[in-house]
Amino acid sequence: MKKGSALNQTAWWLVMIGAVNWGLVGLFDWNLVNVVFDSVPLVERIAYILIGLGALHMLFAHLKK
């Protein structure tokens, strides 16, 4: 996979969203993902799964180098 592939960019954005969300939870006890998807819990759960998969992709891509 090349460095700027769509999968790598998507994984990066997902991890950044997750990091910002955890920062907001830690600082203000405010969960942005929950606020955005509050009316649809299944979509919120899917968002967390995608963020986790993005993190795993970045981890394994980094370990391959």
PDB file of N, CA and C in Angstrom:
ATOM      1  N   MET A   1       0.832  -1.177   0.000  1.00  0.00           N
ATOM      2  CA  MET A   1       0.000   0.000   0.000  1.00  0.00           C
ATOM      3  C   MET A   1       0.881   1.245   0.000  1.00  0.00           C
ATOM      4  N   LYS A   2       0.564   2.173  -0.840  1.00  0.00           N
ATOM      5  CA  LYS A   2       1.344   3.400  -0.859  1.00  0.00           C
ATOM      6  C   LYS A   2       0.915   4.331   0.266  1.00  0.00           C
ATOM      7  N   LYS A   3       1.794   5.266   0.568  1.00  0.00           N
ATOM      8  CA  LYS A   3       1.611   6.117   1.744  1.00  0.00           C
ATOM      9  C   LYS A   3       0.318   6.925   1.730  1.00  0.00           C
ATOM     10  N   GLY A   4      -0.053   7.484   0.608  1.00  0.00           N
ATOM     11  CA  GLY A   4      -1.210   8.357   0.540  1.00  0.00           C
ATOM     12  C   GLY A   4      -2.476   7.675   0.052  1.00  0.00           C
ATOM     13  N   SER A   5      -2.587   6.374   0.251  1.00  0.00           N
ATOM     14  CA  SER A   5      -3.763   5.658  -0.252  1.00  0.00           C
ATOM     15  C   SER A   5      -5.028   6.105   0.474  1.00  0.00           C
ATOM     16  N   ALA A   6      -6.150   5.895  -0.181  1.00  0.00           N
ATOM     17  CA  ALA A   6      -7.437   6.288   0.396  1.00  0.00           C
ATOM     18  C   ALA A   6      -7.687   5.566   1.716  1.00  0.00           C
ATOM     19  N   LEU A   7      -7.301   4.303   1.807  1.00  0.00           N
ATOM     20  CA  LEU A   7      -7.496   3.551   3.051  1.00  0.00           C
ATOM     21  C   LEU A   7      -6.674   4.161   4.182  1.00  0.00           C
ATOM     22  N   ASN A   8      -5.423   4.520   3.900  1.00  0.00           N
ATOM     23  CA  ASN A   8      -4.589   5.139   4.934  1.00  0.00           C
ATOM     24  C   ASN A   8      -5.140   6.488   5.358  1.00  0.00           C
ATOM     25  N   GLN A   9      -5.596   7.278   4.417  1.00  0.00           N
ATOM     26  CA  GLN A   9      -6.152   8.585   4.750  1.00  0.00           C
ATOM     27  C   GLN A   9      -7.434   8.445   5.561  1.00  0.00           C
ATOM     28  N   THR A  10      -8.287   7.493   5.185  1.00  0.00           N
ATOM     29  CA  THR A  10      -9.528   7.257   5.926  1.00  0.00           C
ATOM     30  C   THR A  10      -9.219   6.796   7.342  1.00  0.00           C
ATOM     31  N   ALA A  11      -8.268   5.873   7.478  1.00  0.00           N
ATOM     32  CA  ALA A  11      -7.882   5.391   8.805  1.00  0.00           C
ATOM     33  C   ALA A  11      -7.345   6.538   9.649  1.00  0.00           C
ATOM     34  N   TRP A  12      -6.539   7.409   9.049  1.00  0.00           N
ATOM     35  CA  TRP A  12      -5.986   8.546   9.781  1.00  0.00           C
ATOM     36  C   TRP A  12      -7.094   9.447  10.300  1.00  0.00           C
ATOM     37  N   TRP A  13      -8.060   9.767   9.444  1.00  0.00           N
ATOM     38  CA  TRP A  13      -9.171  10.637   9.866  1.00  0.00           C
ATOM     39  C   TRP A  13     -10.008   9.987  10.955  1.00  0.00           C
ATOM     40  N   LEU A  14     -10.261   8.697  10.825  1.00  0.00           N
ATOM     41  CA  LEU A  14     -11.042   8.003  11.853  1.00  0.00           C
ATOM     42  C   LEU A  14     -10.326   8.042  13.199  1.00  0.00           C
ATOM     43  N   VAL A  15      -9.024   7.812  13.193  1.00  0.00           N
ATOM     44  CA  VAL A  15      -8.259   7.836  14.438  1.00  0.00           C
ATOM     45  C   VAL A  15      -8.228   9.252  15.023  1.00  0.00           C
ATOM     46  N   MET A  16      -8.129  10.260  14.181  1.00  0.00           N
ATOM     47  CA  MET A  16      -8.146  11.641  14.675  1.00  0.00           C
ATOM     48  C   MET A  16      -9.499  11.971  15.313  1.00  0.00           C
ATOM     49  N   ILE A  17     -10.583  11.533  14.701  1.00  0.00           N
ATOM     50  CA  ILE A  17     -11.914  11.739  15.279  1.00  0.00           C
ATOM     51  C   ILE A  17     -12.003  11.052  16.640  1.00  0.00           C
ATOM     52  N   GLY A  18     -11.505   9.824  16.707  1.00  0.00           N
ATOM     53  CA  GLY A  18     -11.509   9.099  17.977  1.00  0.00           C
ATOM     54  C   GLY A  18     -10.666   9.791  19.033  1.00  0.00           C
ATOM     55  N   ALA A  19      -9.505  10.308  18.633  1.00  0.00           N
ATOM     56  CA  ALA A  19      -8.623  10.987  19.587  1.00  0.00           C
ATOM     57  C   ALA A  19      -9.264  12.272  20.110  1.00  0.00           C
ATOM     58  N   VAL A  20      -9.870  13.039  19.222  1.00  0.00           N
ATOM     59  CA  VAL A  20     -10.550  14.264  19.653  1.00  0.00           C
ATOM     60  C   VAL A  20     -11.708  13.920  20.590  1.00  0.00           C
ATOM     61  N   ASN A  21     -12.447  12.872  20.240  1.00  0.00           N
ATOM     62  CA  ASN A  21     -13.571  12.466  21.083  1.00  0.00           C
ATOM     63  C   ASN A  21     -13.085  12.083  22.485  1.00  0.00           C
ATOM     64  N   TRP A  22     -12.009  11.288  22.576  1.00  0.00           N
ATOM     65  CA  TRP A  22     -11.480  10.903  23.885  1.00  0.00           C
ATOM     66  C   TRP A  22     -10.962  12.110  24.653  1.00  0.00           C
ATOM     67  N   GLY A  23     -10.364  13.059  23.942  1.00  0.00           N
ATOM     68  CA  GLY A  23      -9.922  14.286  24.600  1.00  0.00           C
ATOM     69  C   GLY A  23     -11.079  15.061  25.199  1.00  0.00           C
ATOM     70  N   LEU A  24     -12.166  15.158  24.438  1.00  0.00           N
ATOM     71  CA  LEU A  24     -13.351  15.855  24.941  1.00  0.00           C
ATOM     72  C   LEU A  24     -13.974  15.125  26.121  1.00  0.00           C
ATOM     73  N   VAL A  25     -13.983  13.799  26.066  1.00  0.00           N
ATOM     74  CA  VAL A  25     -14.517  13.013  27.188  1.00  0.00           C
ATOM     75  C   VAL A  25     -13.655  13.240  28.431  1.00  0.00           C
ATOM     76  N   GLY A  26     -12.343  13.198  28.257  1.00  0.00           N
ATOM     77  CA  GLY A  26     -11.442  13.371  29.393  1.00  0.00           C
ATOM     78  C   GLY A  26     -11.487  14.766  29.991  1.00  0.00           C
ATOM     79  N   LEU A  27     -11.551  15.780  29.144  1.00  0.00           N
ATOM     80  CA  LEU A  27     -11.518  17.156  29.633  1.00  0.00           C
ATOM     81  C   LEU A  27     -12.865  17.657  30.147  1.00  0.00           C
ATOM     82  N   PHE A  28     -13.923  17.319  29.419  1.00  0.00           N
ATOM     83  CA  PHE A  28     -15.220  17.933  29.707  1.00  0.00           C
ATOM     84  C   PHE A  28     -16.345  16.932  29.981  1.00  0.00           C
ATOM     85  N   ASP A  29     -16.025  15.628  29.981  1.00  0.00           N
ATOM     86  CA  ASP A  29     -17.039  14.583  30.122  1.00  0.00           C
ATOM     87  C   ASP A  29     -18.144  14.772  29.077  1.00  0.00           C
ATOM     88  N   TRP A  30     -17.723  15.084  27.835  1.00  0.00           N
ATOM     89  CA  TRP A  30     -18.652  15.338  26.732  1.00  0.00           C
ATOM     90  C   TRP A  30     -18.265  14.466  25.549  1.00  0.00           C
ATOM     91  N   ASN A  31     -19.157  13.579  25.142  1.00  0.00           N
ATOM     92  CA  ASN A  31     -18.896  12.606  24.092  1.00  0.00           C
ATOM     93  C   ASN A  31     -19.481  13.109  22.774  1.00  0.00           C
ATOM     94  N   LEU A  32     -18.627  13.586  21.890  1.00  0.00           N
ATOM     95  CA  LEU A  32     -19.059  14.160  20.617  1.00  0.00           C
ATOM     96  C   LEU A  32     -19.742  13.130  19.727  1.00  0.00           C
ATOM     97  N   VAL A  33     -19.208  11.921  19.668  1.00  0.00           N
ATOM     98  CA  VAL A  33     -19.819  10.880  18.829  1.00  0.00           C
ATOM     99  C   VAL A  33     -21.233  10.587  19.305  1.00  0.00           C
ATOM    100  N   ASN A  34     -21.409  10.523  20.611  1.00  0.00           N
ATOM    101  CA  ASN A  34     -22.733  10.292  21.175  1.00  0.00           C
ATOM    102  C   ASN A  34     -23.685  11.440  20.847  1.00  0.00           C
ATOM    103  N   VAL A  35     -23.195  12.658  20.904  1.00  0.00           N
ATOM    104  CA  VAL A  35     -24.028  13.830  20.604  1.00  0.00           C
ATOM    105  C   VAL A  35     -24.453  13.817  19.140  1.00  0.00           C
ATOM    106  N   VAL A  36     -23.511  13.499  18.245  1.00  0.00           N
ATOM    107  CA  VAL A  36     -23.813  13.517  16.812  1.00  0.00           C
ATOM    108  C   VAL A  36     -24.797  12.409  16.438  1.00  0.00           C
ATOM    109  N   PHE A  37     -24.632  11.210  17.009  1.00  0.00           N
ATOM    110  CA  PHE A  37     -25.450  10.066  16.611  1.00  0.00           C
ATOM    111  C   PHE A  37     -26.427   9.617  17.704  1.00  0.00           C
ATOM    112  N   ASP A  38     -26.807  10.509  18.600  1.00  0.00           N
ATOM    113  CA  ASP A  38     -27.632  10.156  19.755  1.00  0.00           C
ATOM    114  C   ASP A  38     -28.957   9.516  19.373  1.00  0.00           C
ATOM    115  N   SER A  39     -29.560   9.970  18.305  1.00  0.00           N
ATOM    116  CA  SER A  39     -30.877   9.448  17.942  1.00  0.00           C
ATOM    117  C   SER A  39     -30.800   8.078  17.253  1.00  0.00           C
ATOM    118  N   VAL A  40     -29.588   7.658  16.870  1.00  0.00           N
ATOM    119  CA  VAL A  40     -29.435   6.369  16.179  1.00  0.00           C
ATOM    120  C   VAL A  40     -28.268   5.599  16.820  1.00  0.00           C
ATOM    121  N   PRO A  41     -28.532   4.858  17.901  1.00  0.00           N
ATOM    122  CA  PRO A  41     -27.456   4.157  18.604  1.00  0.00           C
ATOM    123  C   PRO A  41     -26.684   3.172  17.727  1.00  0.00           C
ATOM    124  N   LEU A  42     -27.342   2.554  16.763  1.00  0.00           N
ATOM    125  CA  LEU A  42     -26.641   1.608  15.893  1.00  0.00           C
ATOM    126  C   LEU A  42     -25.568   2.323  15.075  1.00  0.00           C
ATOM    127  N   VAL A  43     -25.856   3.524  14.599  1.00  0.00           N
ATOM    128  CA  VAL A  43     -24.880   4.292  13.826  1.00  0.00           C
ATOM    129  C   VAL A  43     -23.712   4.709  14.729  1.00  0.00           C
ATOM    130  N   GLU A  44     -24.007   5.058  15.968  1.00  0.00           N
ATOM    131  CA  GLU A  44     -22.949   5.391  16.923  1.00  0.00           C
ATOM    132  C   GLU A  44     -22.030   4.198  17.133  1.00  0.00           C
ATOM    133  N   ARG A  45     -22.620   3.033  17.289  1.00  0.00           N
ATOM    134  CA  ARG A  45     -21.828   1.811  17.481  1.00  0.00           C
ATOM    135  C   ARG A  45     -20.966   1.525  16.252  1.00  0.00           C
ATOM    136  N   ILE A  46     -21.527   1.708  15.071  1.00  0.00           N
ATOM    137  CA  ILE A  46     -20.771   1.504  13.834  1.00  0.00           C
ATOM    138  C   ILE A  46     -19.614   2.499  13.755  1.00  0.00           C
ATOM    139  N   ALA A  47     -19.846   3.740  14.176  1.00  0.00           N
ATOM    140  CA  ALA A  47     -18.781   4.746  14.179  1.00  0.00           C
ATOM    141  C   ALA A  47     -17.630   4.303  15.080  1.00  0.00           C
ATOM    142  N   TYR A  48     -17.944   3.799  16.267  1.00  0.00           N
ATOM    143  CA  TYR A  48     -16.889   3.325  17.168  1.00  0.00           C
ATOM    144  C   TYR A  48     -16.150   2.131  16.566  1.00  0.00           C
ATOM    145  N   ILE A  49     -16.863   1.240  15.911  1.00  0.00           N
ATOM    146  CA  ILE A  49     -16.218   0.085  15.277  1.00  0.00           C
ATOM    147  C   ILE A  49     -15.274   0.549  14.174  1.00  0.00           C
ATOM    148  N   LEU A  50     -15.718   1.498  13.353  1.00  0.00           N
ATOM    149  CA  LEU A  50     -14.874   2.009  12.276  1.00  0.00           C
ATOM    150  C   LEU A  50     -13.642   2.724  12.822  1.00  0.00           C
ATOM    151  N   ILE A  51     -13.801   3.475  13.897  1.00  0.00           N
ATOM    152  CA  ILE A  51     -12.662   4.146  14.520  1.00  0.00           C
ATOM    153  C   ILE A  51     -11.660   3.104  15.028  1.00  0.00           C
ATOM    154  N   GLY A  52     -12.158   2.061  15.647  1.00  0.00           N
ATOM    155  CA  GLY A  52     -11.277   0.990  16.129  1.00  0.00           C
ATOM    156  C   GLY A  52     -10.566   0.272  14.997  1.00  0.00           C
ATOM    157  N   LEU A  53     -11.284   0.003  13.913  1.00  0.00           N
ATOM    158  CA  LEU A  53     -10.657  -0.640  12.759  1.00  0.00           C
ATOM    159  C   LEU A  53      -9.604   0.267  12.120  1.00  0.00           C
ATOM    160  N   GLY A  54      -9.887   1.555  12.090  1.00  0.00           N
ATOM    161  CA  GLY A  54      -8.905   2.507  11.576  1.00  0.00           C
ATOM    162  C   GLY A  54      -7.633   2.492  12.404  1.00  0.00           C
ATOM    163  N   ALA A  55      -7.791   2.431  13.724  1.00  0.00           N
ATOM    164  CA  ALA A  55      -6.629   2.374  14.610  1.00  0.00           C
ATOM    165  C   ALA A  55      -5.836   1.090  14.397  1.00  0.00           C
ATOM    166  N   LEU A  56      -6.521  -0.030  14.255  1.00  0.00           N
ATOM    167  CA  LEU A  56      -5.830  -1.296  14.002  1.00  0.00           C
ATOM    168  C   LEU A  56      -5.090  -1.260  12.667  1.00  0.00           C
ATOM    169  N   HIS A  57      -5.723  -0.689  11.651  1.00  0.00           N
ATOM    170  CA  HIS A  57      -5.066  -0.575  10.345  1.00  0.00           C
ATOM    171  C   HIS A  57      -3.776   0.235  10.475  1.00  0.00           C
ATOM    172  N   MET A  58      -3.859   1.372  11.175  1.00  0.00           N
ATOM    173  CA  MET A  58      -2.662   2.202  11.343  1.00  0.00           C
ATOM    174  C   MET A  58      -1.588   1.484  12.148  1.00  0.00           C
ATOM    175  N   LEU A  59      -1.990   0.762  13.170  1.00  0.00           N
ATOM    176  CA  LEU A  59      -1.024   0.020  13.982  1.00  0.00           C
ATOM    177  C   LEU A  59      -0.292  -1.027  13.148  1.00  0.00           C
ATOM    178  N   PHE A  60      -1.048  -1.845  12.412  1.00  0.00           N
ATOM    179  CA  PHE A  60      -0.414  -2.909  11.634  1.00  0.00           C
ATOM    180  C   PHE A  60       0.384  -2.351  10.452  1.00  0.00           C
ATOM    181  N   ALA A  61      -0.070  -1.256   9.867  1.00  0.00           N
ATOM    182  CA  ALA A  61       0.697  -0.626   8.789  1.00  0.00           C
ATOM    183  C   ALA A  61       2.012  -0.091   9.335  1.00  0.00           C
ATOM    184  N   HIS A  62       1.980   0.444  10.535  1.00  0.00           N
ATOM    185  CA  HIS A  62       3.202   0.966  11.152  1.00  0.00           C
ATOM    186  C   HIS A  62       4.143  -0.181  11.513  1.00  0.00           C
ATOM    187  N   LEU A  63       3.612  -1.288  12.012  1.00  0.00           N
ATOM    188  CA  LEU A  63       4.445  -2.415  12.387  1.00  0.00           C
ATOM    189  C   LEU A  63       5.108  -3.070  11.176  1.00  0.00           C
ATOM    190  N   LYS A  64       4.455  -2.989  10.008  1.00  0.00           N
ATOM    191  CA  LYS A  64       5.032  -3.560   8.791  1.00  0.00           C
ATOM    192  C   LYS A  64       6.294  -2.826   8.347  1.00  0.00           C
ATOM    193  N   LYS A  65       6.375  -1.534   8.674  1.00  0.00           N
ATOM    194  CA  LYS A  65       7.528  -0.734   8.214  1.00  0.00           C
ATOM    195  C   LYS A  65       8.783  -1.086   8.883  1.00  0.00           C
TER     196      LYS A  65
END
